[in-house]
C-alpha atoms as a PDB file:
ATOM      1  CA  MET A   1      12.036 -17.197  14.397  1.00  0.00           C
ATOM      2  CA  ASN A   2       8.862 -15.902  12.569  1.00  0.00           C
ATOM      3  CA  LYS A   3       5.548 -16.174  14.472  1.00  0.00           C
ATOM      4  CA  ILE A   4       3.532 -15.897  11.620  1.00  0.00           C
ATOM      5  CA  PRO A   5       2.087 -19.164  10.559  1.00  0.00           C
ATOM      6  CA  ASN A   6       2.333 -20.675   6.934  1.00  0.00           C
ATOM      7  CA  LYS A   7      -1.354 -21.575   6.904  1.00  0.00           C
ATOM      8  CA  ILE A   8      -4.445 -19.854   8.493  1.00  0.00           C
ATOM      9  CA  ASN A   9      -8.123 -21.216   8.415  1.00  0.00           C
ATOM     10  CA  ILE A  10     -10.637 -18.364   7.915  1.00  0.00           C
ATOM     11  CA  LEU A  11     -14.340 -19.480   7.960  1.00  0.00           C
ATOM     12  CA  GLY A  12     -13.629 -23.001   6.980  1.00  0.00           C
ATOM     13  CA  LYS A  13     -11.158 -21.927   4.206  1.00  0.00           C
ATOM     14  CA  GLU A  14      -7.370 -22.753   4.582  1.00  0.00           C
ATOM     15  CA  PHE A  15      -5.049 -20.048   3.262  1.00  0.00           C
ATOM     16  CA  ASP A  16      -1.427 -20.313   2.473  1.00  0.00           C
ATOM     17  CA  ILE A  17       0.602 -17.435   3.834  1.00  0.00           C
ATOM     18  CA  ILE A  18       3.370 -16.788   1.622  1.00  0.00           C
ATOM     19  CA  TYR A  19       6.494 -14.581   2.416  1.00  0.00           C
ATOM     20  CA  GLU A  20       7.726 -12.438  -0.358  1.00  0.00           C
ATOM     21  CA  ASP A  21      10.026  -9.794  -0.860  1.00  0.00           C
ATOM     22  CA  PHE A  22       7.984  -7.096  -2.903  1.00  0.00           C
ATOM     23  CA  SER A  23      10.950  -4.853  -4.050  1.00  0.00           C
ATOM     24  CA  ASP A  24      10.697  -6.694  -7.363  1.00  0.00           C
ATOM     25  CA  HIS A  25       7.185  -5.247  -7.937  1.00  0.00           C
ATOM     26  CA  ALA A  26       7.905  -1.952  -9.347  1.00  0.00           C
ATOM     27  CA  GLY A  27       6.129   0.925  -7.657  1.00  0.00           C
ATOM     28  CA  THR A  28       4.263  -1.035  -4.999  1.00  0.00           C
ATOM     29  CA  GLU A  29       4.361  -0.015  -1.427  1.00  0.00           C
ATOM     30  CA  TYR A  30       2.050  -2.828  -0.361  1.00  0.00           C
ATOM     31  CA  ASN A  31       2.867  -4.743   2.892  1.00  0.00           C
ATOM     32  CA  GLY A  32       0.579  -7.568   1.889  1.00  0.00           C
ATOM     33  CA  ALA A  33      -1.829  -8.947  -0.613  1.00  0.00           C
ATOM     34  CA  LEU A  34      -4.638 -11.364  -0.701  1.00  0.00           C
ATOM     35  CA  GLU A  35      -6.404 -13.510  -3.400  1.00  0.00           C
ATOM     36  CA  VAL A  36      -9.532 -15.229  -1.927  1.00  0.00           C
ATOM     37  CA  CYS A  37     -10.197 -17.384  -4.930  1.00  0.00           C
ATOM     38  CA  THR A  38      -6.740 -19.120  -4.546  1.00  0.00           C
ATOM     39  CA  GLN A  39      -6.867 -18.926  -0.857  1.00  0.00           C
ATOM     40  CA  LYS A  40      -3.617 -17.295  -0.755  1.00  0.00           C
ATOM     41  CA  MET A  41      -1.906 -14.362   1.414  1.00  0.00           C
ATOM     42  CA  TRP A  42       1.349 -12.689   0.695  1.00  0.00           C
ATOM     43  CA  ILE A  43       3.295 -10.957   3.466  1.00  0.00           C
ATOM     44  CA  ASN A  44       6.059  -8.384   2.104  1.00  0.00           C
ATOM     45  CA  THR A  45       9.504  -9.045   3.719  1.00  0.00           C
ATOM     46  CA  HIS A  46      10.997  -6.232   2.117  1.00  0.00           C
ATOM     47  CA  ARG A  47      11.443  -3.183   4.289  1.00  0.00           C
ATOM     48  CA  THR A  48       9.318  -4.241   6.879  1.00  0.00           C
ATOM     49  CA  HIS A  49       9.709  -5.410  10.529  1.00  0.00           C
ATOM     50  CA  ILE A  50       8.047  -8.542  12.058  1.00  0.00           C
ATOM     51  CA  GLN A  51       5.542  -6.039  13.841  1.00  0.00           C
ATOM     52  CA  GLN A  52       4.542  -4.652  10.276  1.00  0.00           C
ATOM     53  CA  GLN A  53       4.236  -8.236   8.709  1.00  0.00           C
ATOM     54  CA  GLU A  54       2.042  -9.259  11.897  1.00  0.00           C
ATOM     55  CA  GLU A  55      -0.168  -6.190  11.146  1.00  0.00           C
ATOM     56  CA  SER A  56      -0.245  -6.919   7.616  1.00  0.00           C
ATOM     57  CA  LEU A  57      -1.354 -10.387   8.512  1.00  0.00           C
ATOM     58  CA  ILE A  58      -4.257  -9.066  10.568  1.00  0.00           C
ATOM     59  CA  HIS A  59      -5.155  -6.651   7.563  1.00  0.00           C
ATOM     60  CA  GLU A  60      -5.150  -9.413   5.144  1.00  0.00           C
ATOM     61  CA  ILE A  61      -7.577 -11.527   7.404  1.00  0.00           C
ATOM     62  CA  THR A  62      -9.889  -8.632   7.835  1.00  0.00           C
ATOM     63  CA  GLU A  63      -9.840  -8.020   3.977  1.00  0.00           C
ATOM     64  CA  ALA A  64     -10.738 -11.908   3.615  1.00  0.00           C
ATOM     65  CA  ILE A  65     -13.629 -11.601   6.023  1.00  0.00           C
ATOM     66  CA  ASN A  66     -15.072  -8.295   4.434  1.00  0.00           C
ATOM     67  CA  ILE A  67     -15.055 -10.195   1.306  1.00  0.00           C
ATOM     68  CA  MET A  68     -16.053 -13.735   2.293  1.00  0.00           C
ATOM     69  CA  CYS A  69     -18.853 -12.336   4.480  1.00  0.00           C
ATOM     70  CA  ASP A  70     -19.633  -9.544   1.935  1.00  0.00           C
ATOM     71  CA  ILE A  71     -19.514  -6.928   4.665  1.00  0.00           C
ATOM     72  CA  ASN A  72     -18.544  -4.105   1.852  1.00  0.00           C
ATOM     73  CA  LEU A  73     -16.274  -2.236   4.407  1.00  0.00           C
ATOM     74  CA  LYS A  74     -14.149   0.498   2.773  1.00  0.00           C
ATOM     75  CA  HIS A  75     -10.516   0.182   2.580  1.00  0.00           C
ATOM     76  CA  GLN A  76      -9.751   2.717   5.065  1.00  0.00           C
ATOM     77  CA  ASP A  77     -12.166   1.157   7.632  1.00  0.00           C
ATOM     78  CA  ILE A  78     -10.333  -1.958   7.055  1.00  0.00           C
ATOM     79  CA  GLN A  79      -6.881  -0.395   7.718  1.00  0.00           C
ATOM     80  CA  THR A  80      -8.327   1.205  10.959  1.00  0.00           C
ATOM     81  CA  ILE A  81      -9.694  -1.979  12.133  1.00  0.00           C
ATOM     82  CA  SER A  82      -6.792  -4.004  11.638  1.00  0.00           C
ATOM     83  CA  ALA A  83      -4.380  -1.732  13.130  1.00  0.00           C
ATOM     84  CA  VAL A  84      -6.386  -1.207  16.268  1.00  0.00           C
ATOM     85  CA  LEU A  85      -6.691  -5.135  16.547  1.00  0.00           C
ATOM     86  CA  TYR A  86      -3.285  -5.565  16.067  1.00  0.00           C
ATOM     87  CA  GLN A  87      -2.448  -2.935  18.903  1.00  0.00           C
ATOM     88  CA  VAL A  88      -5.055  -4.614  21.332  1.00  0.00           C
ATOM     89  CA  LEU A  89      -3.777  -8.089  20.579  1.00  0.00           C
ATOM     90  CA  SER A  90       0.038  -7.176  20.854  1.00  0.00           C
ATOM     91  CA  ASP A  91      -0.128  -4.708  23.956  1.00  0.00           C
ATOM     92  CA  ASN A  92      -2.103  -7.040  25.981  1.00  0.00           C
ATOM     93  CA  LYS A  93      -0.309  -9.999  24.832  1.00  0.00           C
ATOM     94  CA  LEU A  94      -3.557 -11.844  23.817  1.00  0.00           C
ATOM     95  CA  ARG A  95      -3.264 -15.543  22.777  1.00  0.00           C
ATOM     96  CA  PHE A  96      -6.073 -17.906  22.160  1.00  0.00           C
ATOM     97  CA  GLY A  97      -5.828 -21.573  21.673  1.00  0.00           C
ATOM     98  CA  ASP A  98      -3.068 -23.714  22.415  1.00  0.00           C
END
């Protein structure tokens, strides 16, 4: 059972999470994608383990925050922050809310 939701709220905006096999996109090695203007996130289901999909979700959330709050983080910074956040949340079994 997939633990990633189909929708997520970021700063009051509801984003649809779309699971897609990116293998049809020639040359792409992306694990996820984001389009803030349409409030959509894509998670690559091809060649990726559920843990990679979860980490990709954290990455796309971080990307959305970066864009929506005009923080101007570099992509490498977003990759680092999201990888560390995923590790901390996962290893410590942190869960918030209901």
